[in-house]
């Protein structure tokens, strides 16, 4: 697995090092009253601030193509190249970090915290675990504005396989119980802007 290991990465972010990059890909989403649909996904984990956290941005577009064209065996980059953007479906911005008050667990995993906000009047506080190239997170609390979308909880499972980032998202929203919502695959783009100190990078 090729990862970005900038020399100026703060020790607190070591567990997150393999995520640092811009990623592109796609997958299939479906939910209550939402027919299966193909989507394109762009995610960025940015360490350029040099702080004990990563900045996160995520954008999802519905595709012009039907869900049936998505082949889960293809790389995220291939899927991204095969689909074309129709409308922006959702986006989030925020931060993720290793919990500075939690010790590493016996199995080697460390605790994560994240704060993400969306323009539909919803903010999520997340907690979870990361162990090597695998992580799982769940919303600890959901805050909504007066007109915010009725999202009650979200779960995420993700991991790196064959250098791609695979993930599955479950959601409880709009009166529906927790159920599968999105599943996709992302490929890293080796974006040097996530770490301005490009000369200090190493590949592993």
N, C-alpha and C. Protein backbone atom coordinates (compact mmCIF):
# COMPACT_ATOMS: atom_id res chain seq x y z
N UNK A 1 0.84 -1.19 0.00
CA UNK A 1 0.00 0.00 0.00
C UNK A 1 0.88 1.24 0.00
N UNK A 2 0.70 2.13 -0.97
CA UNK A 2 1.45 3.38 -1.03
C UNK A 2 0.77 4.40 -0.14
N UNK A 3 1.52 5.01 0.78
CA UNK A 3 0.96 6.00 1.66
C UNK A 3 1.87 7.21 1.71
N UNK A 4 1.32 8.31 2.22
CA UNK A 4 2.05 9.55 2.34
C UNK A 4 2.59 9.65 3.76
N UNK A 5 3.90 9.81 3.90
CA UNK A 5 4.52 9.92 5.22
C UNK A 5 5.39 11.17 5.29
N UNK A 6 4.79 12.36 5.38
CA UNK A 6 5.59 13.57 5.48
C UNK A 6 6.38 13.59 6.77
N UNK A 7 7.61 14.08 6.73
CA UNK A 7 8.45 14.10 7.90
C UNK A 7 7.91 15.04 8.98
N UNK A 8 7.12 16.04 8.58
CA UNK A 8 6.61 16.99 9.56
C UNK A 8 5.25 16.57 10.13
N UNK A 9 4.83 15.35 9.86
CA UNK A 9 3.57 14.86 10.41
C UNK A 9 3.68 14.78 11.93
N UNK A 10 2.76 15.41 12.63
CA UNK A 10 2.81 15.40 14.09
C UNK A 10 2.56 13.97 14.58
N UNK A 11 3.22 13.56 15.66
CA UNK A 11 3.08 12.18 16.14
C UNK A 11 1.63 11.79 16.39
N UNK A 12 0.81 12.75 16.80
CA UNK A 12 -0.59 12.43 17.08
C UNK A 12 -1.34 11.92 15.85
N UNK A 13 -0.85 12.27 14.68
CA UNK A 13 -1.53 11.90 13.44
C UNK A 13 -1.00 10.61 12.82
N UNK A 14 -0.05 9.97 13.46
CA UNK A 14 0.58 8.79 12.85
C UNK A 14 -0.43 7.73 12.44
N UNK A 15 -1.42 7.48 13.27
CA UNK A 15 -2.42 6.45 12.96
C UNK A 15 -3.25 6.81 11.73
N UNK A 16 -3.29 8.10 11.40
CA UNK A 16 -4.09 8.58 10.27
C UNK A 16 -3.26 8.76 9.00
N UNK A 17 -1.97 8.47 9.07
CA UNK A 17 -1.07 8.80 7.96
C UNK A 17 -1.51 8.19 6.64
N UNK A 18 -2.00 6.95 6.66
CA UNK A 18 -2.35 6.29 5.40
C UNK A 18 -3.55 6.94 4.71
N UNK A 19 -4.31 7.76 5.44
CA UNK A 19 -5.48 8.41 4.86
C UNK A 19 -5.15 9.73 4.18
N UNK A 20 -3.98 10.31 4.49
CA UNK A 20 -3.67 11.65 4.02
C UNK A 20 -3.49 11.66 2.51
N UNK A 21 -4.41 12.31 1.82
CA UNK A 21 -4.37 12.44 0.37
C UNK A 21 -5.72 12.94 -0.10
N UNK A 22 -5.86 13.18 -1.40
CA UNK A 22 -7.15 13.37 -2.03
C UNK A 22 -7.53 12.04 -2.69
N UNK A 23 -8.79 11.68 -2.59
CA UNK A 23 -9.29 10.40 -3.09
C UNK A 23 -10.48 10.63 -4.01
N UNK A 24 -10.61 9.81 -5.04
CA UNK A 24 -11.76 9.89 -5.94
C UNK A 24 -12.30 8.49 -6.19
N UNK A 25 -13.58 8.43 -6.45
CA UNK A 25 -14.19 7.13 -6.73
C UNK A 25 -15.68 7.26 -6.87
N UNK A 26 -16.38 6.21 -6.48
CA UNK A 26 -17.82 6.22 -6.60
C UNK A 26 -18.41 4.94 -6.05
N UNK A 27 -19.71 4.82 -6.20
CA UNK A 27 -20.39 3.64 -5.69
C UNK A 27 -21.87 3.73 -5.95
N UNK A 28 -22.65 3.07 -5.09
CA UNK A 28 -24.11 3.03 -5.21
C UNK A 28 -24.72 3.45 -3.88
N UNK A 29 -25.72 4.31 -3.95
CA UNK A 29 -26.47 4.69 -2.76
C UNK A 29 -27.94 4.33 -2.97
N UNK A 30 -28.61 4.00 -1.87
CA UNK A 30 -30.05 3.78 -1.87
C UNK A 30 -30.55 3.88 -0.45
N UNK A 31 -31.83 4.23 -0.31
CA UNK A 31 -32.39 4.38 1.02
C UNK A 31 -33.92 4.31 0.91
N UNK A 32 -34.61 4.53 2.03
CA UNK A 32 -36.06 4.59 1.99
C UNK A 32 -36.50 5.67 1.02
N UNK A 33 -37.32 5.29 0.06
CA UNK A 33 -37.85 6.22 -0.95
C UNK A 33 -36.76 6.80 -1.86
N UNK A 34 -35.58 6.19 -1.84
CA UNK A 34 -34.50 6.59 -2.75
C UNK A 34 -34.08 5.37 -3.55
N UNK A 35 -34.33 5.39 -4.83
CA UNK A 35 -33.98 4.26 -5.69
C UNK A 35 -32.45 4.15 -5.81
N UNK A 36 -31.93 2.94 -6.03
CA UNK A 36 -30.48 2.79 -6.20
C UNK A 36 -29.95 3.74 -7.27
N UNK A 37 -28.85 4.41 -6.94
CA UNK A 37 -28.28 5.39 -7.85
C UNK A 37 -26.76 5.34 -7.80
N UNK A 38 -26.14 5.50 -8.94
CA UNK A 38 -24.69 5.60 -9.01
C UNK A 38 -24.26 7.00 -8.59
N UNK A 39 -23.08 7.09 -7.95
CA UNK A 39 -22.59 8.39 -7.53
C UNK A 39 -21.08 8.48 -7.68
N UNK A 40 -20.59 9.71 -7.77
CA UNK A 40 -19.16 10.01 -7.76
C UNK A 40 -18.82 10.64 -6.42
N UNK A 41 -17.62 10.37 -5.93
CA UNK A 41 -17.24 10.82 -4.59
C UNK A 41 -15.82 11.37 -4.62
N UNK A 42 -15.63 12.55 -4.04
CA UNK A 42 -14.31 13.15 -3.85
C UNK A 42 -14.10 13.41 -2.37
N UNK A 43 -13.00 12.91 -1.82
CA UNK A 43 -12.68 13.08 -0.40
C UNK A 43 -11.25 13.58 -0.28
N UNK A 44 -11.02 14.46 0.69
CA UNK A 44 -9.68 15.01 0.92
C UNK A 44 -9.37 14.97 2.41
N UNK A 45 -8.26 14.33 2.77
CA UNK A 45 -7.74 14.35 4.14
C UNK A 45 -6.46 15.17 4.10
N UNK A 46 -6.48 16.34 4.72
CA UNK A 46 -5.45 17.35 4.53
C UNK A 46 -4.68 17.57 5.84
N UNK A 47 -3.36 17.38 5.78
CA UNK A 47 -2.51 17.57 6.95
C UNK A 47 -1.65 18.82 6.84
N UNK A 48 -1.96 19.70 5.88
CA UNK A 48 -1.06 20.81 5.59
C UNK A 48 -0.99 21.83 6.71
N UNK A 49 -1.95 21.86 7.62
CA UNK A 49 -1.89 22.79 8.74
C UNK A 49 -0.79 22.42 9.73
N UNK A 50 -0.40 21.15 9.76
CA UNK A 50 0.62 20.71 10.70
C UNK A 50 0.10 20.52 12.10
N UNK A 51 -1.21 20.60 12.31
CA UNK A 51 -1.79 20.42 13.64
C UNK A 51 -2.10 18.97 13.93
N UNK A 52 -2.54 18.67 15.16
CA UNK A 52 -2.85 17.28 15.55
C UNK A 52 -4.23 16.86 15.08
N UNK A 53 -4.51 17.05 13.82
CA UNK A 53 -5.80 16.70 13.23
C UNK A 53 -5.64 16.70 11.72
N UNK A 54 -6.62 16.17 11.02
CA UNK A 54 -6.70 16.27 9.57
C UNK A 54 -7.96 17.05 9.20
N UNK A 55 -7.85 17.93 8.24
CA UNK A 55 -9.03 18.57 7.69
C UNK A 55 -9.69 17.61 6.70
N UNK A 56 -11.01 17.53 6.75
CA UNK A 56 -11.75 16.61 5.90
C UNK A 56 -12.74 17.37 5.05
N UNK A 57 -12.76 17.09 3.75
CA UNK A 57 -13.81 17.58 2.87
C UNK A 57 -14.31 16.41 2.05
N UNK A 58 -15.62 16.35 1.87
CA UNK A 58 -16.23 15.25 1.13
C UNK A 58 -17.37 15.79 0.29
N UNK A 59 -17.40 15.41 -1.00
CA UNK A 59 -18.49 15.81 -1.89
C UNK A 59 -18.96 14.59 -2.67
N UNK A 60 -20.27 14.46 -2.78
CA UNK A 60 -20.90 13.35 -3.51
C UNK A 60 -21.84 13.92 -4.56
N UNK A 61 -21.68 13.47 -5.79
CA UNK A 61 -22.57 13.85 -6.89
C UNK A 61 -23.34 12.62 -7.38
N UNK A 62 -24.63 12.77 -7.64
CA UNK A 62 -25.34 11.72 -8.37
C UNK A 62 -24.78 11.67 -9.79
N UNK A 63 -24.75 10.47 -10.36
CA UNK A 63 -24.22 10.29 -11.71
C UNK A 63 -25.33 10.29 -12.74
N UNK A 64 -24.99 10.67 -13.94
CA UNK A 64 -25.95 10.58 -15.05
C UNK A 64 -26.22 9.12 -15.41
N UNK A 65 -25.28 8.24 -15.12
CA UNK A 65 -25.40 6.84 -15.48
C UNK A 65 -26.20 6.08 -14.42
N UNK A 66 -26.86 4.97 -14.78
CA UNK A 66 -27.64 4.19 -13.82
C UNK A 66 -26.75 3.39 -12.88
N UNK A 67 -27.33 2.94 -11.77
CA UNK A 67 -26.58 2.20 -10.76
C UNK A 67 -25.94 0.95 -11.34
N UNK A 68 -26.57 0.35 -12.33
CA UNK A 68 -26.08 -0.89 -12.89
C UNK A 68 -24.72 -0.82 -13.55
N UNK A 69 -24.25 0.38 -13.85
CA UNK A 69 -22.94 0.49 -14.52
C UNK A 69 -21.79 0.40 -13.51
N UNK A 70 -22.07 0.53 -12.23
CA UNK A 70 -21.02 0.50 -11.22
C UNK A 70 -20.57 -0.94 -10.99
N UNK A 71 -19.30 -1.19 -11.20
CA UNK A 71 -18.69 -2.50 -10.99
C UNK A 71 -17.78 -2.41 -9.76
N UNK A 72 -18.17 -3.08 -8.69
CA UNK A 72 -17.43 -3.00 -7.44
C UNK A 72 -16.03 -3.60 -7.53
N UNK A 73 -15.75 -4.35 -8.59
CA UNK A 73 -14.44 -4.94 -8.77
C UNK A 73 -13.44 -3.96 -9.37
N UNK A 74 -13.93 -2.85 -9.91
CA UNK A 74 -13.05 -1.87 -10.53
C UNK A 74 -12.52 -0.89 -9.49
N UNK A 75 -11.39 -0.31 -9.76
CA UNK A 75 -10.79 0.66 -8.84
C UNK A 75 -11.68 1.89 -8.73
N UNK A 76 -11.49 2.64 -7.65
CA UNK A 76 -12.23 3.87 -7.49
C UNK A 76 -11.95 4.85 -8.62
N UNK A 77 -10.70 4.93 -9.05
CA UNK A 77 -10.35 5.84 -10.13
C UNK A 77 -11.07 5.47 -11.42
N UNK A 78 -11.15 4.18 -11.73
CA UNK A 78 -11.83 3.74 -12.94
C UNK A 78 -13.31 4.09 -12.89
N UNK A 79 -13.94 3.83 -11.74
CA UNK A 79 -15.35 4.17 -11.59
C UNK A 79 -15.56 5.67 -11.74
N UNK A 80 -14.69 6.46 -11.12
CA UNK A 80 -14.79 7.91 -11.20
C UNK A 80 -14.68 8.38 -12.66
N UNK A 81 -13.79 7.77 -13.41
CA UNK A 81 -13.59 8.16 -14.81
C UNK A 81 -14.76 7.75 -15.70
N UNK A 82 -15.46 6.68 -15.32
CA UNK A 82 -16.55 6.17 -16.14
C UNK A 82 -17.86 6.92 -15.92
N UNK A 83 -18.00 7.58 -14.76
CA UNK A 83 -19.24 8.27 -14.44
C UNK A 83 -19.13 9.76 -14.73
N UNK A 84 -20.28 10.40 -14.92
CA UNK A 84 -20.32 11.84 -15.12
C UNK A 84 -21.25 12.48 -14.09
N UNK A 85 -20.87 13.66 -13.61
CA UNK A 85 -21.61 14.32 -12.54
C UNK A 85 -22.94 14.90 -13.03
N UNK A 86 -23.99 14.65 -12.25
CA UNK A 86 -25.30 15.24 -12.53
C UNK A 86 -25.59 16.36 -11.54
N UNK A 87 -25.93 16.05 -10.31
CA UNK A 87 -26.19 17.07 -9.30
C UNK A 87 -25.44 16.76 -8.03
N UNK A 88 -25.06 17.80 -7.31
CA UNK A 88 -24.40 17.62 -6.03
C UNK A 88 -25.41 17.08 -5.03
N UNK A 89 -25.13 15.90 -4.47
CA UNK A 89 -26.06 15.22 -3.58
C UNK A 89 -25.83 15.62 -2.12
N UNK A 90 -24.57 15.66 -1.70
CA UNK A 90 -24.27 16.08 -0.34
C UNK A 90 -22.80 16.43 -0.22
N UNK A 91 -22.49 17.21 0.82
CA UNK A 91 -21.10 17.53 1.10
C UNK A 91 -20.92 17.76 2.59
N UNK A 92 -19.68 17.51 3.06
CA UNK A 92 -19.35 17.69 4.47
C UNK A 92 -17.95 18.32 4.57
N UNK A 93 -17.77 19.10 5.60
CA UNK A 93 -16.44 19.61 5.93
C UNK A 93 -16.23 19.46 7.43
N UNK A 94 -14.97 19.30 7.84
CA UNK A 94 -14.71 19.17 9.27
C UNK A 94 -13.31 18.71 9.56
N UNK A 95 -13.17 18.02 10.70
CA UNK A 95 -11.86 17.62 11.20
C UNK A 95 -11.95 16.23 11.84
N UNK A 96 -10.85 15.49 11.75
CA UNK A 96 -10.74 14.20 12.41
C UNK A 96 -9.38 14.15 13.13
N UNK A 97 -9.37 13.52 14.31
CA UNK A 97 -8.13 13.45 15.07
C UNK A 97 -8.14 12.21 15.95
N UNK A 98 -6.96 11.80 16.39
CA UNK A 98 -6.84 10.78 17.43
C UNK A 98 -7.21 11.43 18.76
N UNK A 99 -8.01 10.75 19.56
CA UNK A 99 -8.40 11.27 20.87
C UNK A 99 -7.15 11.45 21.73
N UNK A 100 -6.79 12.68 22.09
CA UNK A 100 -5.55 12.90 22.84
C UNK A 100 -5.61 12.40 24.29
N UNK A 101 -6.80 12.07 24.78
CA UNK A 101 -6.95 11.64 26.17
C UNK A 101 -7.10 10.13 26.31
N UNK A 102 -7.05 9.41 25.19
CA UNK A 102 -7.25 7.95 25.23
C UNK A 102 -5.95 7.22 24.92
N UNK A 103 -5.67 6.18 25.66
CA UNK A 103 -4.49 5.36 25.43
C UNK A 103 -4.74 4.35 24.32
N UNK A 104 -3.66 3.90 23.70
CA UNK A 104 -3.78 2.84 22.70
C UNK A 104 -4.30 1.58 23.37
N UNK A 105 -5.19 0.86 22.70
CA UNK A 105 -5.78 -0.34 23.27
C UNK A 105 -4.85 -1.54 23.07
N UNK A 106 -5.16 -2.62 23.79
CA UNK A 106 -4.32 -3.81 23.74
C UNK A 106 -4.20 -4.38 22.34
N UNK A 107 -5.24 -4.24 21.52
CA UNK A 107 -5.20 -4.76 20.16
C UNK A 107 -4.51 -3.82 19.18
N UNK A 108 -3.99 -2.69 19.68
CA UNK A 108 -3.28 -1.74 18.84
C UNK A 108 -4.14 -0.63 18.29
N UNK A 109 -5.43 -0.67 18.49
CA UNK A 109 -6.31 0.37 17.97
C UNK A 109 -6.26 1.61 18.84
N UNK A 110 -6.56 2.75 18.24
CA UNK A 110 -6.63 4.01 18.95
C UNK A 110 -7.98 4.66 18.68
N UNK A 111 -8.40 5.49 19.63
CA UNK A 111 -9.70 6.13 19.52
C UNK A 111 -9.63 7.36 18.63
N UNK A 112 -10.70 7.57 17.87
CA UNK A 112 -10.82 8.71 16.97
C UNK A 112 -11.97 9.60 17.39
N UNK A 113 -11.85 10.88 17.07
CA UNK A 113 -12.92 11.84 17.21
C UNK A 113 -13.01 12.63 15.90
N UNK A 114 -14.23 13.02 15.53
CA UNK A 114 -14.39 13.83 14.33
C UNK A 114 -15.59 14.75 14.50
N UNK A 115 -15.50 15.90 13.85
CA UNK A 115 -16.61 16.85 13.77
C UNK A 115 -16.81 17.18 12.30
N UNK A 116 -18.03 16.96 11.81
CA UNK A 116 -18.34 17.23 10.42
C UNK A 116 -19.64 18.03 10.33
N UNK A 117 -19.68 18.95 9.40
CA UNK A 117 -20.88 19.77 9.20
C UNK A 117 -21.28 19.73 7.72
N UNK A 118 -22.58 19.84 7.47
CA UNK A 118 -23.09 19.86 6.11
C UNK A 118 -23.93 21.11 5.91
N UNK A 119 -24.15 21.53 4.66
CA UNK A 119 -24.91 22.75 4.40
C UNK A 119 -26.42 22.57 4.52
N UNK A 120 -26.90 21.38 4.92
CA UNK A 120 -28.34 21.16 5.08
C UNK A 120 -28.74 21.30 6.55
N UNK A 121 -27.92 22.03 7.33
CA UNK A 121 -28.28 22.32 8.70
C UNK A 121 -28.03 21.19 9.67
N UNK A 122 -27.04 20.34 9.39
CA UNK A 122 -26.75 19.19 10.26
C UNK A 122 -25.25 19.14 10.55
N UNK A 123 -24.90 18.92 11.82
CA UNK A 123 -23.51 18.70 12.23
C UNK A 123 -23.44 17.40 13.01
N UNK A 124 -22.35 16.64 12.78
CA UNK A 124 -22.17 15.35 13.43
C UNK A 124 -20.92 15.37 14.30
N UNK A 125 -21.02 14.84 15.51
CA UNK A 125 -19.86 14.51 16.32
C UNK A 125 -19.69 13.00 16.24
N UNK A 126 -18.49 12.56 15.86
CA UNK A 126 -18.22 11.14 15.63
C UNK A 126 -17.21 10.62 16.65
N UNK A 127 -17.32 9.34 16.97
CA UNK A 127 -16.30 8.63 17.75
C UNK A 127 -16.04 7.31 17.05
N UNK A 128 -14.84 6.76 17.25
CA UNK A 128 -14.55 5.49 16.60
C UNK A 128 -13.18 4.97 16.94
N UNK A 129 -12.76 3.97 16.18
CA UNK A 129 -11.47 3.32 16.37
C UNK A 129 -10.77 3.17 15.04
N UNK A 130 -9.44 3.25 15.06
CA UNK A 130 -8.63 2.96 13.89
C UNK A 130 -7.54 2.00 14.31
N UNK A 131 -7.31 0.99 13.48
CA UNK A 131 -6.29 -0.01 13.75
C UNK A 131 -5.63 -0.36 12.43
N UNK A 132 -4.44 0.18 12.20
CA UNK A 132 -3.81 -0.01 10.90
C UNK A 132 -4.67 0.62 9.82
N UNK A 133 -4.89 -0.10 8.70
CA UNK A 133 -5.66 0.48 7.60
C UNK A 133 -7.16 0.22 7.72
N UNK A 134 -7.67 0.09 8.93
CA UNK A 134 -9.10 -0.16 9.12
C UNK A 134 -9.64 0.80 10.17
N UNK A 135 -10.84 1.32 9.91
CA UNK A 135 -11.46 2.16 10.91
C UNK A 135 -12.97 1.98 10.90
N UNK A 136 -13.56 2.26 12.04
CA UNK A 136 -15.01 2.27 12.17
C UNK A 136 -15.39 3.45 13.04
N UNK A 137 -16.48 4.13 12.66
CA UNK A 137 -16.93 5.29 13.40
C UNK A 137 -18.45 5.32 13.45
N UNK A 138 -18.96 5.99 14.49
CA UNK A 138 -20.40 6.15 14.65
C UNK A 138 -20.66 7.55 15.18
N UNK A 139 -21.79 8.13 14.83
CA UNK A 139 -22.12 9.44 15.35
C UNK A 139 -22.43 9.35 16.83
N UNK A 140 -21.76 10.18 17.60
CA UNK A 140 -22.00 10.27 19.04
C UNK A 140 -23.16 11.21 19.32
N UNK A 141 -23.30 12.23 18.50
CA UNK A 141 -24.42 13.15 18.60
C UNK A 141 -24.64 13.81 17.24
N UNK A 142 -25.90 14.20 17.00
CA UNK A 142 -26.27 14.89 15.77
C UNK A 142 -26.98 16.18 16.14
N UNK A 143 -26.51 17.29 15.62
CA UNK A 143 -27.12 18.58 15.89
C UNK A 143 -27.76 19.12 14.62
N UNK A 144 -28.99 19.61 14.76
CA UNK A 144 -29.73 20.09 13.59
C UNK A 144 -30.22 21.51 13.83
N UNK A 145 -30.22 22.30 12.78
CA UNK A 145 -30.85 23.61 12.83
C UNK A 145 -32.36 23.42 12.76
N UNK A 146 -33.11 24.51 12.90
CA UNK A 146 -34.57 24.40 12.86
C UNK A 146 -35.09 23.76 11.60
N UNK A 147 -34.40 24.00 10.49
CA UNK A 147 -34.83 23.41 9.22
C UNK A 147 -33.92 22.29 8.75
N UNK A 148 -33.04 21.81 9.66
CA UNK A 148 -32.07 20.79 9.28
C UNK A 148 -32.70 19.46 8.93
N UNK A 149 -32.02 18.70 8.05
CA UNK A 149 -32.50 17.38 7.65
C UNK A 149 -32.59 16.46 8.86
N UNK A 150 -33.60 15.59 8.89
CA UNK A 150 -33.83 14.70 10.03
C UNK A 150 -32.92 13.48 9.93
N UNK A 151 -31.68 13.65 10.31
CA UNK A 151 -30.71 12.54 10.34
C UNK A 151 -30.43 12.23 11.80
N UNK A 152 -30.70 10.99 12.20
CA UNK A 152 -30.61 10.62 13.61
C UNK A 152 -29.30 9.92 13.97
N UNK A 153 -28.66 9.27 13.03
CA UNK A 153 -27.43 8.57 13.33
C UNK A 153 -26.81 7.98 12.08
N UNK A 154 -25.48 7.84 12.10
CA UNK A 154 -24.76 7.31 10.94
C UNK A 154 -23.63 6.41 11.45
N UNK A 155 -23.37 5.33 10.73
CA UNK A 155 -22.25 4.44 11.02
C UNK A 155 -21.37 4.32 9.79
N UNK A 156 -20.07 4.24 10.01
CA UNK A 156 -19.10 4.11 8.92
C UNK A 156 -18.13 2.99 9.21
N UNK A 157 -17.90 2.15 8.23
CA UNK A 157 -16.82 1.17 8.27
C UNK A 157 -15.99 1.36 7.02
N UNK A 158 -14.66 1.40 7.18
CA UNK A 158 -13.79 1.66 6.04
C UNK A 158 -12.46 0.95 6.23
N UNK A 159 -11.79 0.73 5.12
CA UNK A 159 -10.48 0.10 5.18
C UNK A 159 -9.78 0.15 3.84
N UNK A 160 -8.46 0.04 3.89
CA UNK A 160 -7.66 0.05 2.68
C UNK A 160 -7.41 -1.38 2.22
N UNK A 161 -7.78 -1.65 0.97
CA UNK A 161 -7.57 -2.96 0.35
C UNK A 161 -7.02 -2.72 -1.05
N UNK A 162 -5.89 -3.35 -1.37
CA UNK A 162 -5.27 -3.21 -2.69
C UNK A 162 -5.09 -1.72 -3.04
N UNK A 163 -4.68 -0.93 -2.04
CA UNK A 163 -4.38 0.50 -2.18
C UNK A 163 -5.61 1.37 -2.36
N UNK A 164 -6.81 0.79 -2.44
CA UNK A 164 -8.03 1.58 -2.51
C UNK A 164 -8.68 1.64 -1.14
N UNK A 165 -9.51 2.66 -0.94
CA UNK A 165 -10.24 2.84 0.30
C UNK A 165 -11.68 2.39 0.08
N UNK A 166 -12.05 1.28 0.69
CA UNK A 166 -13.41 0.76 0.62
C UNK A 166 -14.19 1.26 1.84
N UNK A 167 -15.46 1.56 1.67
CA UNK A 167 -16.26 2.01 2.80
C UNK A 167 -17.73 1.65 2.62
N UNK A 168 -18.43 1.56 3.74
CA UNK A 168 -19.87 1.34 3.76
C UNK A 168 -20.46 2.23 4.84
N UNK A 169 -21.57 2.87 4.53
CA UNK A 169 -22.23 3.80 5.45
C UNK A 169 -23.66 3.35 5.68
N UNK A 170 -24.03 3.22 6.95
CA UNK A 170 -25.42 2.98 7.35
C UNK A 170 -25.96 4.26 7.96
N UNK A 171 -27.29 4.45 7.86
CA UNK A 171 -27.88 5.69 8.35
C UNK A 171 -29.28 5.44 8.88
N UNK A 172 -29.63 6.17 9.94
CA UNK A 172 -31.00 6.25 10.42
C UNK A 172 -31.47 7.68 10.19
N UNK A 173 -32.51 7.85 9.37
CA UNK A 173 -32.93 9.20 9.00
C UNK A 173 -34.36 9.20 8.49
N UNK A 174 -35.00 10.36 8.61
CA UNK A 174 -36.35 10.56 8.07
C UNK A 174 -37.33 9.51 8.55
N UNK A 175 -37.16 9.08 9.80
CA UNK A 175 -38.07 8.11 10.39
C UNK A 175 -37.74 6.66 10.13
N UNK A 176 -36.73 6.39 9.34
CA UNK A 176 -36.33 5.01 9.02
C UNK A 176 -35.31 4.51 10.03
N UNK A 177 -35.30 3.21 10.27
CA UNK A 177 -34.32 2.59 11.16
C UNK A 177 -32.95 2.59 10.50
N UNK A 178 -31.91 2.32 11.29
CA UNK A 178 -30.55 2.23 10.76
C UNK A 178 -30.50 1.16 9.69
N UNK A 179 -30.03 1.54 8.50
CA UNK A 179 -29.93 0.61 7.39
C UNK A 179 -28.86 1.09 6.42
N UNK A 180 -28.50 0.20 5.49
CA UNK A 180 -27.47 0.51 4.51
C UNK A 180 -27.87 1.72 3.68
N UNK A 181 -26.90 2.61 3.46
CA UNK A 181 -27.14 3.83 2.69
C UNK A 181 -26.20 3.96 1.50
N UNK A 182 -24.89 3.86 1.73
CA UNK A 182 -23.91 4.03 0.66
C UNK A 182 -22.81 3.00 0.78
N UNK A 183 -22.28 2.59 -0.34
CA UNK A 183 -21.10 1.73 -0.36
C UNK A 183 -20.27 2.11 -1.57
N UNK A 184 -18.98 2.36 -1.35
CA UNK A 184 -18.17 2.81 -2.46
C UNK A 184 -16.71 2.46 -2.30
N UNK A 185 -15.93 2.90 -3.27
CA UNK A 185 -14.51 2.61 -3.33
C UNK A 185 -13.79 3.83 -3.87
N UNK A 186 -12.69 4.21 -3.23
CA UNK A 186 -11.93 5.40 -3.60
C UNK A 186 -10.48 5.04 -3.91
N UNK A 187 -9.89 5.78 -4.85
CA UNK A 187 -8.46 5.64 -5.17
C UNK A 187 -7.75 6.95 -4.82
N UNK A 188 -6.53 6.84 -4.25
CA UNK A 188 -5.78 8.04 -3.91
C UNK A 188 -5.23 8.67 -5.18
N UNK A 189 -5.04 9.99 -5.14
CA UNK A 189 -4.55 10.73 -6.31
C UNK A 189 -3.11 11.21 -6.14
N UNK A 190 -2.49 10.96 -4.98
CA UNK A 190 -1.14 11.44 -4.68
C UNK A 190 -1.06 12.95 -4.85
N UNK A 191 -1.95 13.63 -4.14
CA UNK A 191 -2.10 15.07 -4.18
C UNK A 191 -1.10 15.71 -3.21
N UNK A 192 -0.10 16.38 -3.74
CA UNK A 192 0.93 16.97 -2.89
C UNK A 192 0.43 18.16 -2.08
N UNK A 193 -0.69 18.76 -2.45
CA UNK A 193 -1.17 19.93 -1.74
C UNK A 193 -1.67 19.62 -0.34
N UNK A 194 -1.92 18.35 -0.02
CA UNK A 194 -2.35 17.99 1.33
C UNK A 194 -1.17 18.07 2.30
N UNK A 195 0.02 18.16 1.77
CA UNK A 195 1.24 18.30 2.57
C UNK A 195 2.21 19.16 1.78
N UNK A 196 2.25 20.46 2.04
CA UNK A 196 3.09 21.35 1.23
C UNK A 196 4.56 20.98 1.23
N UNK A 197 5.03 20.30 2.28
CA UNK A 197 6.45 19.95 2.34
C UNK A 197 6.72 18.73 1.46
N UNK A 198 6.46 18.88 0.18
CA UNK A 198 6.56 17.74 -0.72
C UNK A 198 7.94 17.15 -0.81
N UNK A 199 8.99 17.96 -0.66
CA UNK A 199 10.36 17.43 -0.75
C UNK A 199 10.70 16.48 0.40
N UNK A 200 9.92 16.57 1.47
CA UNK A 200 10.21 15.76 2.64
C UNK A 200 9.40 14.47 2.67
N UNK A 201 8.62 14.24 1.65
CA UNK A 201 7.76 13.07 1.65
C UNK A 201 8.56 11.80 1.41
N UNK A 202 7.97 10.72 1.88
CA UNK A 202 8.52 9.40 1.59
C UNK A 202 7.38 8.49 1.22
N UNK A 203 7.65 7.52 0.40
CA UNK A 203 6.64 6.53 0.04
C UNK A 203 6.96 5.24 0.73
N UNK A 204 5.94 4.58 1.23
CA UNK A 204 6.14 3.31 1.90
C UNK A 204 5.14 2.31 1.41
